[in-house]
């Protein structure tokens, strides 16, 4: 192989590897963001459950049980609201990821189209 051919292959590899590296960075960033969100959400749900268990332990008579039971509706509403918010957040994460991935795919396709004619024209010459 000639030095010119090796240089051409190296340049093409560099051009093609940049979009791939950006895509890997996007994947890593998205994964980190999603994992952190899940950890935070899990911590909050666990704390809510533990708080409910603690409050149940404080029940010592029928009146206390009635009061505790009446608060469970509010807790259920809070949890339902939180689940809805969390779902919207995760959907937004997915939407943003898809948009960024599509942009990187288009960018990668442009790079590949630019690199392809160069190598094809050099082969025919």
Protein backbone atom coordinates (compact mmCIF):
# COMPACT_ATOMS: atom_id res chain seq x y z
CA UNK A 1 0.00 0.00 0.00
CA UNK A 2 1.21 3.45 -0.79
CA UNK A 3 1.45 6.21 1.80
CA UNK A 4 -1.18 8.19 -0.10
CA UNK A 5 -3.63 5.31 0.13
CA UNK A 6 -2.95 4.84 3.85
CA UNK A 7 -3.41 8.58 4.43
CA UNK A 8 -6.71 8.47 2.54
CA UNK A 9 -7.93 5.51 4.60
CA UNK A 10 -6.91 7.22 7.84
CA UNK A 11 -8.77 10.41 6.89
CA UNK A 12 -11.87 8.46 5.92
CA UNK A 13 -11.75 6.52 9.18
CA UNK A 14 -11.45 9.75 11.17
CA UNK A 15 -14.38 11.28 9.27
CA UNK A 16 -16.59 8.25 9.84
CA UNK A 17 -15.55 7.70 13.47
CA UNK A 18 -16.53 11.22 14.60
CA UNK A 19 -20.30 10.64 14.18
CA UNK A 20 -19.97 7.19 15.79
CA UNK A 21 -18.16 8.71 18.77
CA UNK A 22 -20.85 11.39 19.09
CA UNK A 23 -23.52 8.69 19.04
CA UNK A 24 -21.74 6.74 21.79
CA UNK A 25 -21.45 9.95 23.84
CA UNK A 26 -25.18 10.54 23.37
CA UNK A 27 -25.95 6.99 24.51
CA UNK A 28 -23.77 7.34 27.58
CA UNK A 29 -25.23 10.73 28.53
CA UNK A 30 -28.78 9.45 28.06
CA UNK A 31 -28.08 6.34 30.13
CA UNK A 32 -26.53 8.39 32.94
CA UNK A 33 -29.47 10.79 32.93
CA UNK A 34 -32.02 7.97 32.98
CA UNK A 35 -30.23 6.01 35.71
CA UNK A 36 -29.93 9.11 37.90
CA UNK A 37 -33.62 9.85 37.40
CA UNK A 38 -34.52 6.26 38.33
CA UNK A 39 -32.33 6.36 41.44
CA UNK A 40 -33.90 9.63 42.58
CA UNK A 41 -37.43 8.40 41.87
CA UNK A 42 -36.78 5.09 43.63
CA UNK A 43 -35.42 6.90 46.67
CA UNK A 44 -38.52 9.11 46.85
CA UNK A 45 -40.94 6.17 46.47
CA UNK A 46 -39.07 4.17 49.11
CA UNK A 47 -39.11 7.13 51.50
CA UNK A 48 -42.84 7.56 50.93
CA UNK A 49 -43.41 3.87 51.68
CA UNK A 50 -41.26 4.01 54.80
CA UNK A 51 -43.11 7.10 56.00
CA UNK A 52 -46.40 5.25 55.53
CA UNK A 53 -45.09 2.25 57.45
CA UNK A 54 -43.94 4.52 60.29
CA UNK A 55 -47.28 6.28 60.45
CA UNK A 56 -49.06 2.90 60.49
CA UNK A 57 -46.96 1.89 63.50
CA UNK A 58 -48.23 4.93 65.36
CA UNK A 59 -51.82 3.66 65.17
CA UNK A 60 -52.84 2.49 68.61
CA UNK A 61 -56.65 2.52 68.58
CA UNK A 62 -59.68 2.51 66.30
CA UNK A 63 -59.79 6.29 66.04
CA UNK A 64 -56.11 6.43 65.10
CA UNK A 65 -56.71 3.76 62.48
CA UNK A 66 -59.62 5.74 61.06
CA UNK A 67 -57.44 8.87 60.85
CA UNK A 68 -54.57 6.93 59.26
CA UNK A 69 -56.94 5.33 56.77
CA UNK A 70 -58.44 8.68 55.79
CA UNK A 71 -54.96 9.98 54.94
CA UNK A 72 -54.31 7.06 52.61
CA UNK A 73 -56.49 8.63 49.92
CA UNK A 74 -54.20 11.67 49.89
CA UNK A 75 -51.16 9.41 49.75
CA UNK A 76 -52.65 7.49 46.81
CA UNK A 77 -53.37 10.75 44.98
CA UNK A 78 -49.82 11.92 45.61
CA UNK A 79 -48.39 8.67 44.28
CA UNK A 80 -50.66 8.73 41.20
CA UNK A 81 -49.66 12.32 40.47
CA UNK A 82 -46.00 11.49 40.93
CA UNK A 83 -46.23 8.47 38.62
CA UNK A 84 -47.82 10.67 35.95
CA UNK A 85 -45.07 13.26 36.28
CA UNK A 86 -42.36 10.60 36.20
CA UNK A 87 -43.90 9.03 33.13
CA UNK A 88 -43.95 12.37 31.31
CA UNK A 89 -40.32 12.97 32.29
CA UNK A 90 -39.21 9.59 30.94
CA UNK A 91 -41.20 10.14 27.73
CA UNK A 92 -39.47 13.51 27.33
CA UNK A 93 -36.08 11.83 27.86
CA UNK A 94 -36.95 9.36 25.10
CA UNK A 95 -38.20 12.07 22.75
CA UNK A 96 -35.08 14.18 23.24
CA UNK A 97 -32.87 11.14 22.73
CA UNK A 98 -34.69 10.20 19.52
CA UNK A 99 -34.35 13.73 18.15
CA UNK A 100 -30.64 13.90 18.95
CA UNK A 101 -30.05 10.40 17.55
CA UNK A 102 -31.86 11.31 14.33
CA UNK A 103 -29.73 14.42 13.99
CA UNK A 104 -26.54 12.43 14.53
CA UNK A 105 -27.71 9.81 12.02
CA UNK A 106 -28.26 12.50 9.41
CA UNK A 107 -24.87 13.98 10.18
CA UNK A 108 -23.26 10.55 9.87
CA UNK A 109 -24.99 9.91 6.55
CA UNK A 110 -23.65 13.20 5.19
CA UNK A 111 -20.13 12.27 6.24
CA UNK A 112 -20.48 8.83 4.68
CA UNK A 113 -21.78 10.32 1.40
CA UNK A 114 -18.86 12.75 1.29
CA UNK A 115 -16.33 10.00 1.96
CA UNK A 116 -17.83 7.49 -0.50
CA UNK A 117 -17.38 9.45 -3.75
CA UNK A 118 -13.77 10.26 -2.87
CA UNK A 119 -12.84 6.63 -2.46
CA UNK A 120 -14.83 5.59 -5.54
CA UNK A 121 -13.25 8.25 -7.74
CA UNK A 122 -9.75 7.35 -6.54
CA UNK A 123 -10.34 3.67 -7.39
CA UNK A 124 -11.35 4.47 -10.97
CA UNK A 125 -8.38 6.80 -11.50
